[in-house]
Amino acid sequence: MGGVDSTTARQTVETLWAQEILPSLQEFIAIPALSPNFDADWETTGALDAAVEHLRAWICGRGIDGAVVEPVRLPGLSPLLVVDIPATEGAPDNGTVLLYGHLDKQPPVGGWSEGLGPWTPVLRDGKLYGRGSADDGYAGYAATAAVEAVRAAGGQHGRCVVLLETGEESGSPDLPAYLDHLADRLGEVSLVVCLDSGGHDYERLWLTTSLRGLVSVDLTVRVLESGSHSGLASGVVPSSFRVVRQLLDRVEDSETGEVRVKEMHVEVPDERAAEAAASVAAAPGAVKGAFPLAGTTRTVSGDEVELVLNNTWRPTLSVIGASGFPEPLDAGNVLRPFTTLTLSFRLPPTASSEVALAALRDALTADVPYGAGVELSRVEAADGWNAPPLAPWLRAALDEVSTEVFGAPWRASGLGGSIPFMGLLAEKYPTAQFVITGALGSDSNAHVPDEWLHVKQAERVTTAVAHVLDAHARS
């Protein structure tokens, strides 16, 4: 494959993972580096800075010739780690390769299995458990190891910049400022490699070709200044929960789950529908079997292609938080003064989040039943992303990687989640190619208890990235 000796690249990556990466990644898991949204005192806590320092020290210890490893911190913003690696000697100037990952983590949440915990790394049966293992602490290690593998295997790579942020799980609010701050340093980015994704199985390389956008609001309905005895107030004062139900009926069909806000819908492109069908054919049953359904619960459709399209190109609503409710054991006969629900809408990749938010605001605040008070707070809106067509050199490289590294054809699929950074980069570097991939599976438990990283898949992805770097240098 190009100038890279495949055997040497694979052996280099496997050795790095076994001897260098896994020990350090386990130490990283032990750092409670909560994303700023989940740790209001993150500057005082210092865990994000500790995560940056941990990776900085490890990468500096690799001794990559010419590499500049630098934490970057703008006032009041979450820190970044930037690793600037010069091109190999003789490599043409085909633009900067930006390799992206993040070091911040989701909250620990309860319910971890016996012997496991968010900050306790456990390596068991090829799986590394702990918060930030798969999402996305391994990315900085994998990106660096891929560069080392190219060099060890006699290949070439262009200038590479590894960028590890600490606000992705909070929606990457600080990244626009950092992209402006680093614009001259980054130069013209021609290839973006993001390792914060994955696919439907661990048998092949998966390319993410779209990401959904997001609109999130806290909806509060208030009917009383303070709670009242339910025996006295019910039937006189409307229930705040009933008003919330009526408002939700405006934005979602409770029987089908279809979102009723038309501004949140788009036409699914033909090529993305074809990709969905191909991804299901490659891993039949993977989508339906990925989640621990309780009892006799069924998926919303028996057609896996429809499930993929629902998850990648159709809007959905998830109620992810609530306030105003006592615990059941503490619930007295009280008509509660207010109800708050956190509404998280996932949007199709090409929908405008600002237009969707405006329509949602109108739907929830106009002509409210009983004239109840409505407040929308903690509002967030982020656009999705749809990948540009693959350049011939990149498609050829992916085809070769699939055979050489995985022994199975690569497949593409949308991702139901969001990576705000990709939309930002697509706007800033409209001619760049994107390789959005990773070791995550739908059963990797990102954001929930028992998060785990498939170590061998992470190794294969690392080797694949090494080959892509070489192909980019020779494109």
Protein backbone atom coordinates (compact mmCIF):
# COMPACT_ATOMS: atom_id res chain seq x y z
CA MET A 1 0.00 0.00 0.00
CA GLY A 2 1.85 3.04 -1.24
CA GLY A 3 5.13 3.47 0.60
CA VAL A 4 3.94 1.90 3.85
CA ASP A 5 5.09 -1.60 4.70
CA SER A 6 1.84 -3.11 5.96
CA THR A 7 3.42 -5.67 8.26
CA THR A 8 5.68 -3.11 9.92
CA ALA A 9 2.80 -0.65 10.34
CA ARG A 10 0.60 -3.27 11.97
CA GLN A 11 3.35 -4.56 14.25
CA THR A 12 4.31 -1.03 15.27
CA VAL A 13 0.73 -0.21 16.20
CA GLU A 14 0.19 -3.45 18.11
CA THR A 15 3.38 -2.94 20.11
CA LEU A 16 2.52 0.67 20.90
CA TRP A 17 -0.95 -0.27 22.09
CA ALA A 18 0.25 -3.13 24.27
CA GLN A 19 3.30 -1.50 25.80
CA GLU A 20 2.68 2.25 25.72
CA ILE A 21 -0.92 3.21 25.08
CA LEU A 22 -2.91 0.88 27.32
CA PRO A 23 -1.00 1.69 30.52
CA SER A 24 -1.31 5.44 29.93
CA LEU A 25 -4.94 5.24 28.76
CA GLN A 26 -5.83 3.44 31.98
CA GLU A 27 -4.27 6.29 33.95
CA PHE A 28 -6.29 8.74 31.83
CA ILE A 29 -9.53 6.93 32.69
CA ALA A 30 -8.83 7.56 36.39
CA ILE A 31 -8.95 11.36 35.80
CA PRO A 32 -12.53 12.65 36.41
CA ALA A 33 -12.28 15.15 33.56
CA LEU A 34 -15.93 16.13 33.37
CA SER A 35 -16.94 18.37 30.50
CA PRO A 36 -17.65 21.98 31.60
CA ASN A 37 -21.41 21.52 31.35
CA PHE A 38 -21.19 18.90 34.09
CA ASP A 39 -18.65 20.64 36.33
CA ALA A 40 -19.38 24.32 36.85
CA ASP A 41 -16.15 24.63 38.86
CA TRP A 42 -13.95 22.95 36.26
CA GLU A 43 -11.35 25.71 36.40
CA THR A 44 -10.94 25.19 40.14
CA THR A 45 -11.29 21.42 40.00
CA GLY A 46 -8.42 21.21 37.53
CA ALA A 47 -9.38 17.83 36.07
CA LEU A 48 -9.49 19.07 32.48
CA ASP A 49 -6.05 20.59 32.87
CA ALA A 50 -4.87 17.32 34.40
CA ALA A 51 -6.15 15.39 31.38
CA VAL A 52 -4.36 17.77 29.01
CA GLU A 53 -1.14 17.47 31.01
CA HIS A 54 -1.40 13.69 31.06
CA LEU A 55 -1.58 13.49 27.26
CA ARG A 56 1.03 16.22 26.83
CA ALA A 57 3.53 14.30 28.92
CA TRP A 58 2.84 11.03 27.14
CA ILE A 59 3.15 12.50 23.64
CA CYS A 60 6.31 14.39 24.56
CA GLY A 61 7.70 11.10 25.78
CA ARG A 62 7.25 9.57 22.34
CA GLY A 63 10.12 11.67 21.02
CA ILE A 64 8.57 12.29 17.60
CA ASP A 65 11.16 14.22 15.63
CA GLY A 66 10.19 17.86 15.20
CA ALA A 67 6.90 17.63 17.08
CA VAL A 68 5.76 20.66 19.09
CA VAL A 69 3.37 19.70 21.90
CA GLU A 70 1.60 22.67 23.45
CA PRO A 71 -1.40 23.23 25.69
CA VAL A 72 -3.38 26.27 24.52
CA ARG A 73 -5.67 28.13 26.90
CA LEU A 74 -7.59 31.29 26.06
CA PRO A 75 -8.94 33.24 29.05
CA GLY A 76 -12.10 31.70 30.44
CA LEU A 77 -12.19 28.92 27.85
CA SER A 78 -11.59 25.21 28.29
CA PRO A 79 -8.05 24.16 27.34
CA LEU A 80 -6.79 22.49 24.17
CA LEU A 81 -3.79 20.32 23.48
CA VAL A 82 -2.18 20.97 20.10
CA VAL A 83 0.45 18.63 18.67
CA ASP A 84 2.16 20.03 15.58
CA ILE A 85 4.13 17.40 13.66
CA PRO A 86 6.12 18.38 10.57
CA ALA A 87 5.81 16.44 7.33
CA THR A 88 8.23 13.62 6.61
CA GLU A 89 11.21 14.61 4.52
CA GLY A 90 10.36 14.86 0.85
CA ALA A 91 6.59 14.73 1.32
CA PRO A 92 4.74 17.16 -0.98
CA ASP A 93 2.80 20.01 0.52
CA ASN A 94 -0.75 18.72 0.17
CA GLY A 95 -2.10 20.77 3.04
CA THR A 96 -2.48 20.16 6.75
CA VAL A 97 -3.95 16.96 8.17
CA LEU A 98 -6.03 17.77 11.24
CA LEU A 99 -6.52 14.81 13.59
CA TYR A 100 -9.23 15.46 16.13
CA GLY A 101 -10.28 13.99 19.46
CA HIS A 102 -11.48 15.18 22.85
CA LEU A 103 -10.40 14.68 26.44
CA ASP A 104 -13.51 15.77 28.34
CA LYS A 105 -15.94 13.18 29.62
CA GLN A 106 -19.60 12.59 30.32
CA PRO A 107 -20.75 12.36 33.96
CA PRO A 108 -20.10 9.04 35.73
CA VAL A 109 -23.81 8.17 36.32
CA GLY A 110 -24.80 5.27 38.53
CA GLY A 111 -25.46 1.65 37.75
CA TRP A 112 -22.03 0.35 36.77
CA SER A 113 -21.70 -3.42 36.95
CA GLU A 114 -19.97 -5.10 39.85
CA GLY A 115 -16.22 -4.59 39.70
CA LEU A 116 -16.51 -1.67 37.26
CA GLY A 117 -16.63 2.07 37.80
CA PRO A 118 -16.26 5.29 35.82
CA TRP A 119 -12.81 6.16 37.16
CA THR A 120 -11.59 2.58 37.68
CA PRO A 121 -9.98 1.18 34.52
CA VAL A 122 -10.57 -2.54 34.01
CA LEU A 123 -9.14 -4.54 31.10
CA ARG A 124 -11.22 -7.66 30.59
CA ASP A 125 -11.56 -9.94 27.54
CA GLY A 126 -10.15 -7.37 25.16
CA LYS A 127 -12.38 -4.60 26.47
CA LEU A 128 -11.08 -1.59 28.41
CA TYR A 129 -13.80 -0.34 30.75
CA GLY A 130 -14.03 3.16 32.22
CA ARG A 131 -15.36 6.62 31.44
CA GLY A 132 -13.55 8.17 28.49
CA SER A 133 -12.06 4.91 27.22
CA ALA A 134 -14.02 4.78 23.96
CA ASP A 135 -15.48 8.30 24.04
CA ASP A 136 -12.91 9.59 23.29
CA GLY A 137 -9.76 9.29 25.37
CA TYR A 138 -8.04 6.84 23.05
CA ALA A 139 -8.12 9.25 20.10
CA GLY A 140 -5.01 11.25 20.96
CA TYR A 141 -3.05 8.06 21.50
CA ALA A 142 -4.29 6.54 18.24
CA ALA A 143 -3.54 9.66 16.19
CA THR A 144 -0.01 9.87 17.55
CA ALA A 145 0.60 6.14 17.09
CA ALA A 146 -0.60 6.36 13.48
CA VAL A 147 2.04 8.99 12.75
CA GLU A 148 4.70 6.83 14.41
CA ALA A 149 3.57 3.82 12.38
CA VAL A 150 3.86 5.72 9.08
CA ARG A 151 7.40 6.72 9.89
CA ALA A 152 8.41 3.27 11.14
CA ALA A 153 6.96 1.61 8.05
CA GLY A 154 8.79 3.76 5.54
CA GLY A 155 5.79 5.85 4.49
CA GLN A 156 5.18 9.55 4.17
CA HIS A 157 2.79 11.96 5.80
CA GLY A 158 2.10 15.65 5.37
CA ARG A 159 2.08 18.15 8.18
CA CYS A 160 -0.15 16.75 10.92
CA VAL A 161 -1.82 18.70 13.70
CA VAL A 162 -3.44 16.70 16.47
CA LEU A 163 -6.08 18.80 18.22
CA LEU A 164 -7.55 17.50 21.48
CA GLU A 165 -10.28 19.68 22.97
CA THR A 166 -11.95 19.55 26.37
CA GLY A 167 -15.46 20.80 25.62
CA GLU A 168 -16.93 18.38 23.06
CA GLU A 169 -19.39 16.80 25.48
CA SER A 170 -20.68 20.32 26.17
CA GLY A 171 -21.25 21.08 22.50
CA SER A 172 -17.77 22.50 21.74
CA PRO A 173 -18.75 26.09 22.59
CA ASP A 174 -15.14 27.28 22.76
CA LEU A 175 -13.93 25.82 19.47
CA PRO A 176 -14.89 28.71 17.16
CA ALA A 177 -12.65 31.02 19.18
CA TYR A 178 -9.81 28.51 19.10
CA LEU A 179 -10.14 27.91 15.36
CA ASP A 180 -9.83 31.66 14.80
CA HIS A 181 -6.91 31.83 17.24
CA LEU A 182 -5.10 28.94 15.52
CA ALA A 183 -6.06 29.79 11.93
CA ASP A 184 -2.60 30.90 10.80
CA ARG A 185 -0.99 27.99 12.59
CA LEU A 186 -3.30 25.39 11.06
CA GLY A 187 -2.88 26.70 7.54
CA GLU A 188 -4.95 25.13 4.79
CA VAL A 189 -6.55 21.97 6.12
CA SER A 190 -7.06 19.42 3.34
CA LEU A 191 -7.84 16.30 5.40
CA VAL A 192 -9.70 15.94 8.67
CA VAL A 193 -9.42 12.69 10.61
CA CYS A 194 -11.85 12.40 13.52
CA LEU A 195 -11.66 9.39 15.85
CA ASP A 196 -14.85 10.11 17.81
CA SER A 197 -17.11 7.74 15.90
CA GLY A 198 -17.54 4.09 14.96
CA GLY A 199 -20.01 1.75 13.33
CA HIS A 200 -22.39 -1.19 13.49
CA ASP A 201 -19.81 -3.93 14.13
CA TYR A 202 -16.12 -4.49 14.86
CA GLU A 203 -15.36 -6.40 11.68
CA ARG A 204 -14.56 -3.57 9.28
CA LEU A 205 -13.71 0.11 8.97
CA TRP A 206 -16.78 2.31 9.25
CA LEU A 207 -16.87 5.80 7.80
CA THR A 208 -19.34 8.29 9.22
CA THR A 209 -20.81 10.34 6.40
CA SER A 210 -23.30 12.46 8.32
CA LEU A 211 -23.96 13.73 11.83
CA ARG A 212 -27.26 14.95 13.21
CA GLY A 213 -27.73 18.44 14.56
CA LEU A 214 -29.22 19.29 17.91
CA VAL A 215 -31.77 21.56 19.56
CA SER A 216 -32.09 21.27 23.32
CA VAL A 217 -34.22 23.29 25.74
CA ASP A 218 -35.42 23.12 29.31
CA LEU A 219 -39.19 23.57 29.17
CA THR A 220 -40.73 24.85 32.40
CA VAL A 221 -44.47 25.20 32.91
CA ARG A 222 -45.51 27.00 36.10
CA VAL A 223 -49.08 27.16 37.40
CA LEU A 224 -48.62 28.15 41.09
CA GLU A 225 -46.25 30.29 43.09
CA SER A 226 -46.01 27.43 45.60
CA GLY A 227 -47.43 23.94 45.94
CA SER A 228 -50.97 23.39 47.19
CA HIS A 229 -52.79 20.45 48.77
CA SER A 230 -53.96 18.34 45.84
CA GLY A 231 -57.26 17.62 47.52
CA LEU A 232 -58.01 21.32 47.63
CA ALA A 233 -56.41 22.54 44.39
CA SER A 234 -57.01 19.72 41.90
CA GLY A 235 -59.92 20.40 39.63
CA VAL A 236 -59.46 24.10 40.22
CA VAL A 237 -55.82 24.68 39.25
CA PRO A 238 -54.57 22.98 36.06
CA SER A 239 -51.81 20.42 36.52
CA SER A 240 -48.48 21.70 35.20
CA PHE A 241 -47.76 18.20 33.97
CA ARG A 242 -50.98 18.12 31.93
CA VAL A 243 -50.07 21.44 30.34
CA VAL A 244 -46.63 20.00 29.50
CA ARG A 245 -48.31 16.97 27.91
CA GLN A 246 -50.42 19.23 25.71
CA LEU A 247 -47.38 21.22 24.63
CA LEU A 248 -45.47 18.02 23.84
CA ASP A 249 -48.37 16.88 21.68
CA ARG A 250 -47.72 19.94 19.52
CA VAL A 251 -44.17 18.87 18.74
CA GLU A 252 -44.32 15.06 18.76
CA ASP A 253 -46.89 12.39 17.85
CA SER A 254 -46.95 10.30 21.02
CA GLU A 255 -48.11 7.18 19.14
CA THR A 256 -45.52 7.14 16.37
CA GLY A 257 -42.73 9.34 17.74
CA GLU A 258 -42.84 11.47 14.58
CA VAL A 259 -41.72 15.04 15.24
CA ARG A 260 -44.42 17.49 14.19
CA VAL A 261 -42.20 20.53 13.70
CA LYS A 262 -41.90 20.65 9.92
CA GLU A 263 -38.77 22.81 10.08
CA MET A 264 -36.98 19.84 11.62
CA HIS A 265 -37.47 17.61 8.55
CA VAL A 266 -35.48 17.28 5.31
CA GLU A 267 -35.53 14.95 2.32
CA VAL A 268 -33.14 12.01 2.77
CA PRO A 269 -30.53 12.11 -0.03
CA ASP A 270 -30.61 9.04 -2.27
CA GLU A 271 -26.96 8.21 -1.64
CA ARG A 272 -27.47 8.26 2.13
CA ALA A 273 -30.50 5.97 1.85
CA ALA A 274 -28.39 3.59 -0.24
CA GLU A 275 -25.63 3.70 2.38
CA ALA A 276 -28.14 2.84 5.09
CA ALA A 277 -29.28 -0.22 3.15
CA ALA A 278 -25.68 -1.32 2.51
CA SER A 279 -24.73 -0.89 6.18
CA VAL A 280 -27.64 -3.09 7.27
CA ALA A 281 -26.72 -5.72 4.69
CA ALA A 282 -23.14 -5.73 5.99
CA ALA A 283 -24.15 -6.20 9.62
CA PRO A 284 -27.68 -7.63 9.73
CA GLY A 285 -29.24 -7.54 13.17
CA ALA A 286 -26.60 -5.18 14.55
CA VAL A 287 -28.96 -2.23 14.91
CA LYS A 288 -31.88 -4.14 16.41
CA GLY A 289 -29.61 -6.08 18.75
CA ALA A 290 -27.41 -3.24 19.94
CA PHE A 291 -29.46 -2.09 22.89
CA PRO A 292 -30.57 -3.84 26.11
CA LEU A 293 -34.32 -3.74 25.52
CA ALA A 294 -36.29 -4.43 28.68
CA GLY A 295 -38.73 -7.32 28.83
CA THR A 296 -40.86 -7.58 25.69
CA THR A 297 -40.00 -4.09 24.39
CA ARG A 298 -39.64 -3.93 20.60
CA THR A 299 -37.77 -1.46 18.43
CA VAL A 300 -39.95 1.21 16.82
CA SER A 301 -39.81 -0.64 13.48
CA GLY A 302 -38.93 -4.15 12.39
CA ASP A 303 -37.16 -2.79 9.29
CA GLU A 304 -33.51 -2.14 10.14
CA VAL A 305 -33.04 0.25 7.22
CA GLU A 306 -35.86 2.37 8.59
CA LEU A 307 -34.23 2.25 12.02
CA VAL A 308 -30.94 3.52 10.56
CA LEU A 309 -32.70 6.33 8.70
CA ASN A 310 -34.67 7.22 11.83
CA ASN A 311 -31.40 7.43 13.72
CA THR A 312 -29.44 9.40 11.14
CA TRP A 313 -31.71 11.49 8.87
CA ARG A 314 -34.97 11.99 10.74
CA PRO A 315 -35.66 14.25 13.72
CA THR A 316 -36.35 12.65 17.08
CA LEU A 317 -37.24 13.86 20.56
CA SER A 318 -35.79 12.47 23.77
CA VAL A 319 -36.83 13.76 27.19
CA ILE A 320 -33.51 13.51 29.00
CA GLY A 321 -34.15 15.30 32.29
CA ALA A 322 -36.87 16.43 34.67
CA SER A 323 -37.30 18.69 37.68
CA GLY A 324 -40.11 19.69 39.96
CA PHE A 325 -40.85 16.13 41.01
CA PRO A 326 -40.13 14.64 44.44
CA GLU A 327 -38.88 11.07 44.69
CA PRO A 328 -41.87 8.68 44.85
CA LEU A 329 -41.22 7.84 48.50
CA ASP A 330 -41.26 11.56 49.31
CA ALA A 331 -44.34 12.42 47.23
CA GLY A 332 -47.14 13.92 49.30
CA ASN A 333 -50.62 14.87 48.13
CA VAL A 334 -49.45 18.12 46.58
CA LEU A 335 -50.36 19.78 43.31
CA ARG A 336 -46.86 20.76 42.25
CA PRO A 337 -46.24 24.39 41.24
CA PHE A 338 -44.18 23.60 38.15
CA THR A 339 -42.83 20.91 35.87
CA THR A 340 -39.51 21.13 34.00
CA LEU A 341 -38.47 18.74 31.25
CA THR A 342 -35.25 18.80 29.24
CA LEU A 343 -36.16 18.27 25.59
CA SER A 344 -33.40 17.03 23.29
CA PHE A 345 -34.21 17.08 19.58
CA ARG A 346 -31.81 15.41 17.18
CA LEU A 347 -32.03 17.06 13.76
CA PRO A 348 -31.25 15.78 10.26
CA PRO A 349 -27.72 16.68 9.13
CA THR A 350 -28.80 19.40 6.72
CA ALA A 351 -31.56 21.01 8.80
CA SER A 352 -30.97 24.52 10.14
CA SER A 353 -30.83 24.34 13.92
CA GLU A 354 -31.63 28.05 14.28
CA VAL A 355 -34.74 27.78 12.10
CA ALA A 356 -35.78 24.64 13.97
CA LEU A 357 -35.27 26.34 17.33
CA ALA A 358 -37.37 29.33 16.30
CA ALA A 359 -40.20 27.04 15.20
CA LEU A 360 -39.97 25.05 18.41
CA ARG A 361 -40.08 28.21 20.49
CA ASP A 362 -43.24 29.30 18.69
CA ALA A 363 -44.87 25.89 19.19
CA LEU A 364 -44.17 25.78 22.91
CA THR A 365 -44.93 29.37 23.89
CA ALA A 366 -47.91 30.43 21.74
CA ASP A 367 -51.44 30.23 23.15
CA VAL A 368 -50.43 28.15 26.18
CA PRO A 369 -53.34 26.22 27.77
CA TYR A 370 -54.87 28.03 30.75
CA GLY A 371 -52.41 30.89 30.25
CA ALA A 372 -49.84 28.95 32.26
CA GLY A 373 -46.35 30.41 32.52
CA VAL A 374 -43.82 28.91 30.10
CA GLU A 375 -40.08 29.44 30.20
CA LEU A 376 -37.44 28.03 27.86
CA SER A 377 -33.97 27.97 29.38
CA ARG A 378 -30.57 26.34 28.81
CA VAL A 379 -31.18 26.64 25.08
CA GLU A 380 -28.70 24.96 22.74
CA ALA A 381 -28.69 24.72 18.94
CA ALA A 382 -26.05 23.12 16.74
CA ASP A 383 -26.13 22.23 13.06
CA GLY A 384 -25.34 18.77 11.77
CA TRP A 385 -22.95 17.80 9.01
CA ASN A 386 -23.10 15.97 5.70
CA ALA A 387 -19.83 14.73 4.22
CA PRO A 388 -18.58 15.92 0.83
CA PRO A 389 -18.03 13.31 -1.90
CA LEU A 390 -14.91 11.19 -1.44
CA ALA A 391 -11.90 12.18 -3.52
CA PRO A 392 -10.66 9.33 -5.76
CA TRP A 393 -7.41 8.99 -3.79
CA LEU A 394 -9.28 8.63 -0.51
CA ARG A 395 -11.78 6.10 -1.86
CA ALA A 396 -8.90 4.03 -3.25
CA ALA A 397 -7.07 4.21 0.08
CA LEU A 398 -10.16 3.07 1.99
CA ASP A 399 -10.63 0.17 -0.41
CA GLU A 400 -7.03 -0.95 0.12
CA VAL A 401 -7.20 -0.49 3.89
CA SER A 402 -10.32 -2.61 4.05
CA THR A 403 -8.57 -5.54 2.42
CA GLU A 404 -5.17 -5.13 4.06
CA VAL A 405 -6.14 -4.25 7.62
CA PHE A 406 -9.67 -5.57 8.14
CA GLY A 407 -10.19 -8.26 5.54
CA ALA A 408 -13.70 -6.91 4.96
CA PRO A 409 -15.11 -4.09 2.83
CA TRP A 410 -15.51 -0.71 4.50
CA ARG A 411 -18.97 0.66 4.91
CA ALA A 412 -20.45 4.11 5.48
CA SER A 413 -23.30 5.23 7.67
CA GLY A 414 -24.66 8.30 9.35
CA LEU A 415 -24.26 8.83 13.07
CA GLY A 416 -27.24 9.70 15.18
CA GLY A 417 -25.17 11.85 17.50
CA SER A 418 -23.46 15.19 17.01
CA ILE A 419 -19.85 16.32 16.73
CA PRO A 420 -20.16 20.13 16.47
CA PHE A 421 -16.51 20.45 15.45
CA MET A 422 -17.19 18.81 12.08
CA GLY A 423 -19.70 21.44 11.05
CA LEU A 424 -17.32 24.18 12.10
CA LEU A 425 -14.49 22.66 10.07
CA ALA A 426 -16.68 22.08 7.02
CA GLU A 427 -17.51 25.79 6.99
CA LYS A 428 -13.93 26.87 7.52
CA TYR A 429 -12.31 24.36 5.11
CA PRO A 430 -14.91 23.67 2.40
CA THR A 431 -12.49 21.73 0.16
CA ALA A 432 -11.23 19.37 2.88
CA GLN A 433 -11.77 15.62 2.85
CA PHE A 434 -13.14 13.98 5.98
CA VAL A 435 -12.42 10.60 7.54
CA ILE A 436 -14.78 10.33 10.49
CA THR A 437 -14.24 6.92 12.03
CA GLY A 438 -13.34 5.25 15.30
CA ALA A 439 -13.66 2.20 17.52
CA LEU A 440 -17.06 2.96 19.02
CA GLY A 441 -19.89 0.49 18.58
CA SER A 442 -23.51 1.02 19.48
CA ASP A 443 -22.90 -1.37 22.40
CA SER A 444 -19.83 0.51 23.68
CA ASN A 445 -22.00 2.25 26.30
CA ALA A 446 -20.85 5.78 25.58
CA HIS A 447 -22.50 8.23 28.02
CA VAL A 448 -23.97 5.41 30.14
CA PRO A 449 -22.63 2.88 32.70
CA ASP A 450 -20.03 0.29 31.69
CA GLU A 451 -18.43 2.31 28.86
CA TRP A 452 -15.83 0.16 27.15
CA LEU A 453 -13.30 0.30 24.31
CA HIS A 454 -12.81 -2.58 21.87
CA VAL A 455 -9.02 -2.64 22.01
CA LYS A 456 -8.38 -4.68 18.86
CA GLN A 457 -10.72 -2.50 16.83
CA ALA A 458 -8.90 0.58 18.14
CA GLU A 459 -5.63 -1.00 16.99
CA ARG A 460 -7.02 -1.69 13.52
CA VAL A 461 -8.41 1.83 13.22
CA THR A 462 -5.01 3.22 14.23
CA THR A 463 -3.32 1.17 11.49
CA ALA A 464 -5.92 2.27 8.96
CA VAL A 465 -5.28 5.93 9.78
CA ALA A 466 -1.56 5.39 9.21
CA HIS A 467 -2.28 4.15 5.68
CA VAL A 468 -4.64 7.07 5.00
CA LEU A 469 -1.96 9.54 6.09
CA ASP A 470 0.46 7.99 3.62
CA ALA A 471 -2.14 8.05 0.83
CA HIS A 472 -2.86 11.72 1.51
CA ALA A 473 0.84 12.58 1.23
CA ARG A 474 0.96 10.82 -2.14
CA SER A 475 -2.34 12.17 -3.49
